Amino acid sequence: MVSFAQHHAILVILIILVGLILLIVRKPKLFFSLIGLGLLLAGLVYLIMSVSGPGSEQKKKLIQEEEEQSDVDR
């Protein structure tokens, strides 16, 4: 089943662009506040993912080493 947005992608993009242009013209303070909030959230997600990535890899490595050590002890 195809949704309206998938079937009429160009129309949806044009509606979004017109909405953004109207938001810029009528309420620029709100527009830039939303853009700033979006960038802040994107930055936080990036920071969390970049910090947690090496930690999870280290954890996997430690678990693998522990399993190898327990296999040797048997």
C-alpha atoms as a PDB file:
ATOM      1  CA  MET A   1       0.000   0.000   0.000  1.00  0.00           C
ATOM      2  CA  VAL A   2       1.447   3.344  -1.071  1.00  0.00           C
ATOM      3  CA  SER A   3       0.882   6.385   1.105  1.00  0.00           C
ATOM      4  CA  PHE A   4      -0.050   9.818  -0.227  1.00  0.00           C
ATOM      5  CA  ALA A   5       3.406  11.189   0.589  1.00  0.00           C
ATOM      6  CA  GLN A   6       5.138   8.402  -1.320  1.00  0.00           C
ATOM      7  CA  HIS A   7       2.856   8.705  -4.314  1.00  0.00           C
ATOM      8  CA  HIS A   8       2.969  12.535  -4.511  1.00  0.00           C
ATOM      9  CA  ALA A   9       6.490  13.287  -3.258  1.00  0.00           C
ATOM     10  CA  ILE A  10       6.956  16.483  -5.295  1.00  0.00           C
ATOM     11  CA  LEU A  11       3.643  17.908  -4.076  1.00  0.00           C
ATOM     12  CA  VAL A  12       4.540  17.164  -0.449  1.00  0.00           C
ATOM     13  CA  ILE A  13       7.962  18.813  -0.860  1.00  0.00           C
ATOM     14  CA  LEU A  14       6.349  21.906  -2.401  1.00  0.00           C
ATOM     15  CA  ILE A  15       3.791  22.148   0.423  1.00  0.00           C
ATOM     16  CA  ILE A  16       6.570  21.900   3.015  1.00  0.00           C
ATOM     17  CA  LEU A  17       8.663  24.540   1.219  1.00  0.00           C
ATOM     18  CA  VAL A  18       5.697  26.936   0.985  1.00  0.00           C
ATOM     19  CA  GLY A  19       4.980  26.365   4.678  1.00  0.00           C
ATOM     20  CA  LEU A  20       8.598  27.102   5.589  1.00  0.00           C
ATOM     21  CA  ILE A  21       8.648  30.249   3.458  1.00  0.00           C
ATOM     22  CA  LEU A  22       5.431  31.466   5.104  1.00  0.00           C
ATOM     23  CA  LEU A  23       6.893  30.707   8.530  1.00  0.00           C
ATOM     24  CA  ILE A  24      10.060  32.658   7.673  1.00  0.00           C
ATOM     25  CA  VAL A  25       8.069  35.658   6.416  1.00  0.00           C
ATOM     26  CA  ARG A  26       5.354  35.782   9.086  1.00  0.00           C
ATOM     27  CA  LYS A  27       7.199  34.592  12.200  1.00  0.00           C
ATOM     28  CA  PRO A  28      10.967  34.643  11.678  1.00  0.00           C
ATOM     29  CA  LYS A  29      11.700  34.476  15.418  1.00  0.00           C
ATOM     30  CA  LEU A  30       9.734  31.220  15.736  1.00  0.00           C
ATOM     31  CA  PHE A  31      11.362  29.813  12.595  1.00  0.00           C
ATOM     32  CA  PHE A  32      14.896  30.464  13.786  1.00  0.00           C
ATOM     33  CA  SER A  33      14.037  29.206  17.264  1.00  0.00           C
ATOM     34  CA  LEU A  34      12.814  25.928  15.755  1.00  0.00           C
ATOM     35  CA  ILE A  35      15.904  25.681  13.554  1.00  0.00           C
ATOM     36  CA  GLY A  36      18.122  26.308  16.593  1.00  0.00           C
ATOM     37  CA  LEU A  37      16.272  23.724  18.659  1.00  0.00           C
ATOM     38  CA  GLY A  38      16.584  21.174  15.852  1.00  0.00           C
ATOM     39  CA  LEU A  39      20.313  21.818  15.513  1.00  0.00           C
ATOM     40  CA  LEU A  40      20.779  21.554  19.281  1.00  0.00           C
ATOM     41  CA  LEU A  41      18.950  18.220  19.408  1.00  0.00           C
ATOM     42  CA  ALA A  42      20.889  16.908  16.410  1.00  0.00           C
ATOM     43  CA  GLY A  43      24.145  17.926  18.103  1.00  0.00           C
ATOM     44  CA  LEU A  44      23.167  16.171  21.328  1.00  0.00           C
ATOM     45  CA  VAL A  45      22.275  12.967  19.466  1.00  0.00           C
ATOM     46  CA  TYR A  46      25.587  13.110  17.603  1.00  0.00           C
ATOM     47  CA  LEU A  47      27.508  13.676  20.846  1.00  0.00           C
ATOM     48  CA  ILE A  48      25.765  10.800  22.614  1.00  0.00           C
ATOM     49  CA  MET A  49      26.366   8.433  19.705  1.00  0.00           C
ATOM     50  CA  SER A  50      30.016   9.404  19.320  1.00  0.00           C
ATOM     51  CA  VAL A  51      30.671   8.949  23.048  1.00  0.00           C
ATOM     52  CA  SER A  52      28.784   5.655  23.375  1.00  0.00           C
ATOM     53  CA  GLY A  53      30.283   4.069  20.257  1.00  0.00           C
ATOM     54  CA  PRO A  54      33.801   3.416  21.592  1.00  0.00           C
ATOM     55  CA  GLY A  55      32.395   2.321  24.961  1.00  0.00           C
ATOM     56  CA  SER A  56      30.162  -0.335  23.435  1.00  0.00           C
ATOM     57  CA  GLU A  57      33.034  -1.602  21.281  1.00  0.00           C
ATOM     58  CA  GLN A  58      35.230  -1.851  24.365  1.00  0.00           C
ATOM     59  CA  LYS A  59      32.491  -3.740  26.203  1.00  0.00           C
ATOM     60  CA  LYS A  60      32.127  -6.230  23.333  1.00  0.00           C
ATOM     61  CA  LYS A  61      35.891  -6.741  23.286  1.00  0.00           C
ATOM     62  CA  LEU A  62      35.992  -7.370  27.052  1.00  0.00           C
ATOM     63  CA  ILE A  63      33.102  -9.856  26.838  1.00  0.00           C
ATOM     64  CA  GLN A  64      34.827 -11.688  23.989  1.00  0.00           C
ATOM     65  CA  GLU A  65      38.120 -11.839  25.928  1.00  0.00           C
ATOM     66  CA  GLU A  66      36.288 -13.109  29.000  1.00  0.00           C
ATOM     67  CA  GLU A  67      34.599 -15.854  26.963  1.00  0.00           C
ATOM     68  CA  GLU A  68      37.941 -16.870  25.470  1.00  0.00           C
ATOM     69  CA  GLN A  69      39.502 -16.959  28.935  1.00  0.00           C
ATOM     70  CA  SER A  70      36.677 -19.112  30.320  1.00  0.00           C
ATOM     71  CA  ASP A  71      37.072 -21.512  27.349  1.00  0.00           C
ATOM     72  CA  VAL A  72      40.788 -21.850  28.117  1.00  0.00           C
ATOM     73  CA  ASP A  73      40.090 -22.571  31.805  1.00  0.00           C
ATOM     74  CA  ARG A  74      37.792 -25.519  30.975  1.00  0.00           C
END
